[in-house]
Amino acid sequence: MNVEHTLMATLGMEQEKLTKEEVILSMPVDERTHQPMGFLHGGASVALAETAASIGAYLNVDPTKFNVFGMEINANHVKSKRDGKVRAIAKPVHIGSSSMVFEIHIADEEEALISISRCTIGVVPKKS
């Protein structure tokens, strides 16, 4: 998957595992992903979560026939972090023909939960 010139590249996201059943991405906690007070920005965590869910959805469709788009995401940020790395693990809870739902856990290097999200993805047929 080519991530050059995307938000993934800008935020330093790395692909660790990409399967239909589980997507794992990591992201540094540094000046690219901080909020002004020096902590991991909640928006960066949400971007990581939606990216993982979107990749998972893409892997569950025929990309020659369908596009996938994030429709809704919610997040609960439960712990702050100043540096290091976080890892998102996205797993599908519903794979349908017109929508999918993924649950995404973001944890730090010690596996402490940083954020939890649920993301709904729309599956849209490509126009001829």
N, C-alpha and C. Protein backbone atom coordinates (compact mmCIF):
# COMPACT_ATOMS: atom_id res chain seq x y z
N MET A 1 0.86 -1.17 0.00
CA MET A 1 0.00 0.00 0.00
C MET A 1 0.91 1.23 0.00
N ASN A 2 0.74 2.09 -0.98
CA ASN A 2 1.57 3.29 -1.12
C ASN A 2 1.03 4.42 -0.25
N VAL A 3 1.81 4.84 0.73
CA VAL A 3 1.37 5.89 1.64
C VAL A 3 2.09 7.21 1.42
N GLU A 4 2.96 7.24 0.42
CA GLU A 4 3.71 8.46 0.13
C GLU A 4 2.75 9.61 -0.16
N HIS A 5 3.01 10.77 0.40
CA HIS A 5 2.20 11.99 0.21
C HIS A 5 0.79 11.84 0.77
N THR A 6 0.65 11.10 1.88
CA THR A 6 -0.65 10.95 2.53
C THR A 6 -0.53 11.39 3.99
N LEU A 7 -1.66 11.44 4.68
CA LEU A 7 -1.65 11.76 6.11
C LEU A 7 -0.84 10.72 6.88
N MET A 8 -0.86 9.49 6.41
CA MET A 8 -0.07 8.45 7.08
C MET A 8 1.41 8.84 7.09
N ALA A 9 1.91 9.30 5.97
CA ALA A 9 3.32 9.70 5.88
C ALA A 9 3.58 10.94 6.73
N THR A 10 2.69 11.89 6.68
CA THR A 10 2.85 13.14 7.44
C THR A 10 2.96 12.87 8.93
N LEU A 11 2.13 11.95 9.44
CA LEU A 11 2.12 11.65 10.88
C LEU A 11 3.06 10.51 11.26
N GLY A 12 3.77 9.95 10.29
CA GLY A 12 4.74 8.90 10.58
C GLY A 12 4.12 7.54 10.87
N MET A 13 2.91 7.29 10.39
CA MET A 13 2.27 5.99 10.63
C MET A 13 3.00 4.90 9.86
N GLU A 14 3.14 3.74 10.51
CA GLU A 14 3.77 2.59 9.88
C GLU A 14 2.82 1.40 9.91
N GLN A 15 2.85 0.62 8.83
CA GLN A 15 2.01 -0.57 8.72
C GLN A 15 2.75 -1.76 9.32
N GLU A 16 2.12 -2.43 10.28
CA GLU A 16 2.73 -3.60 10.91
C GLU A 16 2.05 -4.89 10.49
N LYS A 17 0.73 -4.87 10.37
CA LYS A 17 -0.02 -6.06 9.96
C LYS A 17 -1.26 -5.60 9.22
N LEU A 18 -1.50 -6.19 8.05
CA LEU A 18 -2.65 -5.82 7.24
C LEU A 18 -3.37 -7.09 6.78
N THR A 19 -4.43 -7.47 7.51
CA THR A 19 -5.25 -8.61 7.10
C THR A 19 -6.72 -8.19 7.21
N LYS A 20 -7.60 -9.01 6.65
CA LYS A 20 -9.04 -8.75 6.73
C LYS A 20 -9.53 -8.76 8.18
N GLU A 21 -8.87 -9.57 9.01
CA GLU A 21 -9.32 -9.75 10.40
C GLU A 21 -8.67 -8.79 11.38
N GLU A 22 -7.53 -8.19 11.00
CA GLU A 22 -6.82 -7.33 11.94
C GLU A 22 -5.85 -6.43 11.19
N VAL A 23 -5.91 -5.15 11.51
CA VAL A 23 -4.95 -4.18 10.97
C VAL A 23 -4.21 -3.58 12.16
N ILE A 24 -2.89 -3.57 12.07
CA ILE A 24 -2.07 -2.97 13.12
C ILE A 24 -1.19 -1.89 12.49
N LEU A 25 -1.34 -0.69 13.00
CA LEU A 25 -0.53 0.45 12.58
C LEU A 25 0.12 1.05 13.81
N SER A 26 1.31 1.63 13.63
CA SER A 26 1.95 2.34 14.73
C SER A 26 2.19 3.78 14.31
N MET A 27 2.37 4.64 15.32
CA MET A 27 2.57 6.07 15.07
C MET A 27 3.45 6.64 16.18
N PRO A 28 4.42 7.48 15.82
CA PRO A 28 5.25 8.09 16.86
C PRO A 28 4.47 9.16 17.63
N VAL A 29 4.87 9.34 18.87
CA VAL A 29 4.35 10.46 19.65
C VAL A 29 5.49 11.46 19.71
N ASP A 30 5.41 12.47 18.85
CA ASP A 30 6.46 13.48 18.73
C ASP A 30 5.86 14.79 18.26
N GLU A 31 6.70 15.71 17.79
CA GLU A 31 6.21 17.04 17.41
C GLU A 31 5.14 16.99 16.32
N ARG A 32 5.12 15.95 15.51
CA ARG A 32 4.10 15.83 14.45
C ARG A 32 2.73 15.49 15.01
N THR A 33 2.70 14.83 16.16
CA THR A 33 1.43 14.32 16.68
C THR A 33 1.04 14.93 18.03
N HIS A 34 1.81 15.93 18.48
CA HIS A 34 1.52 16.60 19.76
C HIS A 34 0.46 17.68 19.59
N GLN A 35 -0.27 17.93 20.67
CA GLN A 35 -1.06 19.16 20.78
C GLN A 35 -0.13 20.22 21.40
N PRO A 36 -0.53 21.48 21.45
CA PRO A 36 0.38 22.54 21.89
C PRO A 36 0.98 22.36 23.29
N MET A 37 0.33 21.61 24.16
CA MET A 37 0.86 21.42 25.51
C MET A 37 1.85 20.25 25.61
N GLY A 38 2.16 19.62 24.48
CA GLY A 38 3.18 18.59 24.45
C GLY A 38 2.72 17.17 24.66
N PHE A 39 1.42 16.93 24.60
CA PHE A 39 0.88 15.58 24.73
C PHE A 39 0.35 15.11 23.38
N LEU A 40 0.16 13.79 23.25
CA LEU A 40 -0.43 13.22 22.05
C LEU A 40 -1.78 13.88 21.79
N HIS A 41 -1.96 14.40 20.59
CA HIS A 41 -3.20 15.08 20.19
C HIS A 41 -4.29 14.03 19.97
N GLY A 42 -5.47 14.27 20.54
CA GLY A 42 -6.59 13.35 20.34
C GLY A 42 -6.94 13.19 18.87
N GLY A 43 -6.79 14.27 18.10
CA GLY A 43 -7.06 14.19 16.67
C GLY A 43 -6.09 13.28 15.94
N ALA A 44 -4.85 13.23 16.39
CA ALA A 44 -3.87 12.31 15.79
C ALA A 44 -4.26 10.87 16.10
N SER A 45 -4.73 10.63 17.32
CA SER A 45 -5.19 9.29 17.67
C SER A 45 -6.39 8.89 16.83
N VAL A 46 -7.31 9.81 16.61
CA VAL A 46 -8.49 9.53 15.79
C VAL A 46 -8.08 9.28 14.34
N ALA A 47 -7.11 10.05 13.84
CA ALA A 47 -6.62 9.83 12.48
C ALA A 47 -6.01 8.43 12.36
N LEU A 48 -5.25 8.01 13.36
CA LEU A 48 -4.67 6.68 13.36
C LEU A 48 -5.76 5.61 13.37
N ALA A 49 -6.76 5.80 14.21
CA ALA A 49 -7.86 4.84 14.33
C ALA A 49 -8.64 4.73 13.01
N GLU A 50 -9.00 5.86 12.42
CA GLU A 50 -9.78 5.81 11.18
C GLU A 50 -8.96 5.24 10.03
N THR A 51 -7.68 5.53 10.02
CA THR A 51 -6.82 4.96 8.98
C THR A 51 -6.79 3.44 9.09
N ALA A 52 -6.63 2.92 10.29
CA ALA A 52 -6.59 1.48 10.49
C ALA A 52 -7.92 0.84 10.07
N ALA A 53 -9.04 1.46 10.46
CA ALA A 53 -10.35 0.92 10.09
C ALA A 53 -10.57 0.98 8.58
N SER A 54 -10.15 2.06 7.96
CA SER A 54 -10.32 2.21 6.51
C SER A 54 -9.51 1.17 5.74
N ILE A 55 -8.30 0.90 6.20
CA ILE A 55 -7.49 -0.13 5.55
C ILE A 55 -8.16 -1.49 5.73
N GLY A 56 -8.66 -1.75 6.94
CA GLY A 56 -9.36 -3.01 7.18
C GLY A 56 -10.57 -3.17 6.27
N ALA A 57 -11.33 -2.11 6.09
CA ALA A 57 -12.49 -2.16 5.20
C ALA A 57 -12.06 -2.40 3.76
N TYR A 58 -11.03 -1.71 3.33
CA TYR A 58 -10.51 -1.87 1.97
C TYR A 58 -10.12 -3.33 1.71
N LEU A 59 -9.53 -3.96 2.70
CA LEU A 59 -9.11 -5.35 2.55
C LEU A 59 -10.30 -6.32 2.50
N ASN A 60 -11.47 -5.87 2.91
CA ASN A 60 -12.66 -6.71 2.94
C ASN A 60 -13.60 -6.49 1.75
N VAL A 61 -13.17 -5.71 0.77
CA VAL A 61 -13.97 -5.50 -0.44
C VAL A 61 -13.13 -5.81 -1.67
N ASP A 62 -13.79 -5.90 -2.81
CA ASP A 62 -13.09 -5.97 -4.09
C ASP A 62 -12.84 -4.52 -4.51
N PRO A 63 -11.59 -4.04 -4.42
CA PRO A 63 -11.33 -2.62 -4.69
C PRO A 63 -11.52 -2.22 -6.15
N THR A 64 -11.71 -3.19 -7.03
CA THR A 64 -12.02 -2.83 -8.42
C THR A 64 -13.50 -2.48 -8.57
N LYS A 65 -14.31 -2.87 -7.57
CA LYS A 65 -15.76 -2.65 -7.64
C LYS A 65 -16.28 -1.68 -6.59
N PHE A 66 -15.53 -1.47 -5.48
CA PHE A 66 -16.02 -0.67 -4.37
C PHE A 66 -14.98 0.31 -3.85
N ASN A 67 -15.46 1.45 -3.35
CA ASN A 67 -14.67 2.39 -2.56
C ASN A 67 -15.16 2.28 -1.12
N VAL A 68 -14.29 2.63 -0.18
CA VAL A 68 -14.70 2.67 1.22
C VAL A 68 -14.39 4.06 1.77
N PHE A 69 -15.30 4.55 2.61
CA PHE A 69 -15.17 5.88 3.18
C PHE A 69 -15.61 5.86 4.64
N GLY A 70 -14.84 6.53 5.49
CA GLY A 70 -15.26 6.68 6.88
C GLY A 70 -16.54 7.50 6.95
N MET A 71 -17.52 7.01 7.71
CA MET A 71 -18.79 7.71 7.86
C MET A 71 -18.94 8.34 9.25
N GLU A 72 -18.42 7.63 10.26
CA GLU A 72 -18.56 8.11 11.63
C GLU A 72 -17.46 7.48 12.47
N ILE A 73 -16.96 8.26 13.41
CA ILE A 73 -15.98 7.71 14.35
C ILE A 73 -16.20 8.38 15.69
N ASN A 74 -16.06 7.59 16.75
CA ASN A 74 -16.06 8.17 18.09
C ASN A 74 -14.83 7.66 18.80
N ALA A 75 -14.40 8.40 19.78
CA ALA A 75 -13.18 8.02 20.50
C ALA A 75 -13.27 8.43 21.95
N ASN A 76 -12.75 7.58 22.80
CA ASN A 76 -12.56 7.90 24.21
C ASN A 76 -11.06 7.85 24.47
N HIS A 77 -10.50 8.99 24.84
CA HIS A 77 -9.09 9.08 25.15
C HIS A 77 -8.96 8.89 26.66
N VAL A 78 -8.29 7.80 27.05
CA VAL A 78 -8.29 7.43 28.47
C VAL A 78 -6.96 7.66 29.18
N LYS A 79 -5.90 7.91 28.40
CA LYS A 79 -4.59 8.14 29.03
C LYS A 79 -3.78 9.06 28.12
N SER A 80 -2.98 9.94 28.72
CA SER A 80 -2.14 10.84 27.93
C SER A 80 -0.77 10.21 27.71
N LYS A 81 -0.05 10.79 26.74
CA LYS A 81 1.28 10.29 26.41
C LYS A 81 2.09 11.43 25.82
N ARG A 82 3.36 11.56 26.23
CA ARG A 82 4.22 12.65 25.76
C ARG A 82 5.21 12.23 24.68
N ASP A 83 5.65 10.97 24.68
CA ASP A 83 6.67 10.55 23.72
C ASP A 83 6.57 9.06 23.49
N GLY A 84 7.42 8.56 22.63
CA GLY A 84 7.42 7.13 22.33
C GLY A 84 6.61 6.81 21.10
N LYS A 85 5.78 5.77 21.24
CA LYS A 85 5.03 5.26 20.10
C LYS A 85 3.71 4.70 20.60
N VAL A 86 2.70 4.77 19.75
CA VAL A 86 1.43 4.11 20.02
C VAL A 86 1.13 3.15 18.88
N ARG A 87 0.33 2.15 19.20
CA ARG A 87 -0.05 1.14 18.21
C ARG A 87 -1.56 1.00 18.21
N ALA A 88 -2.14 1.04 17.01
CA ALA A 88 -3.58 0.83 16.83
C ALA A 88 -3.83 -0.57 16.33
N ILE A 89 -4.79 -1.25 16.97
CA ILE A 89 -5.23 -2.56 16.51
C ILE A 89 -6.71 -2.43 16.17
N ALA A 90 -7.01 -2.62 14.88
CA ALA A 90 -8.39 -2.49 14.39
C ALA A 90 -8.92 -3.86 14.02
N LYS A 91 -10.11 -4.18 14.55
CA LYS A 91 -10.75 -5.45 14.24
C LYS A 91 -12.21 -5.19 13.85
N PRO A 92 -12.68 -5.90 12.83
CA PRO A 92 -14.08 -5.70 12.43
C PRO A 92 -15.04 -6.33 13.43
N VAL A 93 -16.14 -5.62 13.70
CA VAL A 93 -17.22 -6.19 14.49
C VAL A 93 -18.45 -6.43 13.62
N HIS A 94 -18.46 -5.83 12.42
CA HIS A 94 -19.53 -6.05 11.45
C HIS A 94 -18.97 -5.82 10.05
N ILE A 95 -19.13 -6.82 9.18
CA ILE A 95 -18.74 -6.70 7.78
C ILE A 95 -20.01 -6.89 6.97
N GLY A 96 -20.55 -5.80 6.44
CA GLY A 96 -21.76 -5.87 5.63
C GLY A 96 -21.49 -5.46 4.20
N SER A 97 -22.53 -5.54 3.39
CA SER A 97 -22.35 -5.19 1.97
C SER A 97 -22.36 -3.69 1.74
N SER A 98 -22.94 -2.91 2.66
CA SER A 98 -22.97 -1.46 2.47
C SER A 98 -22.30 -0.68 3.61
N SER A 99 -21.99 -1.37 4.70
CA SER A 99 -21.28 -0.70 5.80
C SER A 99 -20.49 -1.73 6.60
N MET A 100 -19.49 -1.22 7.30
CA MET A 100 -18.68 -2.04 8.19
C MET A 100 -18.44 -1.24 9.46
N VAL A 101 -18.24 -1.96 10.56
CA VAL A 101 -17.93 -1.32 11.83
C VAL A 101 -16.66 -1.96 12.38
N PHE A 102 -15.72 -1.11 12.77
CA PHE A 102 -14.47 -1.57 13.35
C PHE A 102 -14.30 -1.01 14.75
N GLU A 103 -13.69 -1.80 15.63
CA GLU A 103 -13.29 -1.32 16.95
C GLU A 103 -11.77 -1.22 16.93
N ILE A 104 -11.27 -0.09 17.43
CA ILE A 104 -9.85 0.18 17.38
C ILE A 104 -9.34 0.51 18.77
N HIS A 105 -8.35 -0.26 19.23
CA HIS A 105 -7.69 0.00 20.51
C HIS A 105 -6.32 0.58 20.21
N ILE A 106 -6.01 1.71 20.83
CA ILE A 106 -4.68 2.31 20.71
C ILE A 106 -4.00 2.18 22.07
N ALA A 107 -2.81 1.59 22.06
CA ALA A 107 -2.06 1.35 23.29
C ALA A 107 -0.62 1.82 23.12
N ASP A 108 0.05 1.99 24.25
CA ASP A 108 1.46 2.39 24.22
C ASP A 108 2.37 1.17 24.22
N GLU A 109 3.67 1.40 24.38
CA GLU A 109 4.65 0.32 24.34
C GLU A 109 4.46 -0.70 25.46
N GLU A 110 3.88 -0.28 26.57
CA GLU A 110 3.62 -1.19 27.69
C GLU A 110 2.23 -1.80 27.62
N GLU A 111 1.54 -1.57 26.50
CA GLU A 111 0.19 -2.05 26.24
C GLU A 111 -0.86 -1.40 27.12
N ALA A 112 -0.54 -0.22 27.67
CA ALA A 112 -1.55 0.55 28.41
C ALA A 112 -2.49 1.21 27.39
N LEU A 113 -3.79 1.10 27.63
CA LEU A 113 -4.78 1.67 26.72
C LEU A 113 -4.69 3.19 26.73
N ILE A 114 -4.54 3.78 25.56
CA ILE A 114 -4.48 5.22 25.39
C ILE A 114 -5.83 5.75 24.89
N SER A 115 -6.43 5.03 23.94
CA SER A 115 -7.67 5.47 23.33
C SER A 115 -8.41 4.25 22.77
N ILE A 116 -9.74 4.35 22.75
CA ILE A 116 -10.55 3.31 22.12
C ILE A 116 -11.56 4.00 21.21
N SER A 117 -11.73 3.46 20.02
CA SER A 117 -12.62 4.07 19.02
C SER A 117 -13.50 3.01 18.37
N ARG A 118 -14.60 3.49 17.84
CA ARG A 118 -15.45 2.68 16.97
C ARG A 118 -15.67 3.50 15.71
N CYS A 119 -15.47 2.86 14.56
CA CYS A 119 -15.54 3.57 13.29
C CYS A 119 -16.49 2.84 12.34
N THR A 120 -17.42 3.57 11.75
CA THR A 120 -18.32 3.03 10.74
C THR A 120 -17.80 3.45 9.38
N ILE A 121 -17.69 2.47 8.50
CA ILE A 121 -17.18 2.67 7.14
C ILE A 121 -18.30 2.39 6.15
N GLY A 122 -18.48 3.29 5.21
CA GLY A 122 -19.44 3.07 4.12
C GLY A 122 -18.77 2.36 2.97
N VAL A 123 -19.50 1.43 2.36
CA VAL A 123 -19.02 0.70 1.18
C VAL A 123 -19.85 1.19 0.00
N VAL A 124 -19.18 1.80 -0.97
CA VAL A 124 -19.88 2.46 -2.08
C VAL A 124 -19.43 1.84 -3.41
N PRO A 125 -20.40 1.36 -4.20
CA PRO A 125 -20.02 0.83 -5.52
C PRO A 125 -19.37 1.92 -6.38
N LYS A 126 -18.33 1.53 -7.11
CA LYS A 126 -17.69 2.47 -8.02
C LYS A 126 -18.62 2.72 -9.20
N LYS A 127 -18.62 3.95 -9.68
CA LYS A 127 -19.43 4.30 -10.84
C LYS A 127 -18.68 3.92 -12.11
N SER A 128 -19.41 3.41 -13.07
CA SER A 128 -18.79 2.98 -14.33
C SER A 128 -18.35 4.15 -15.16
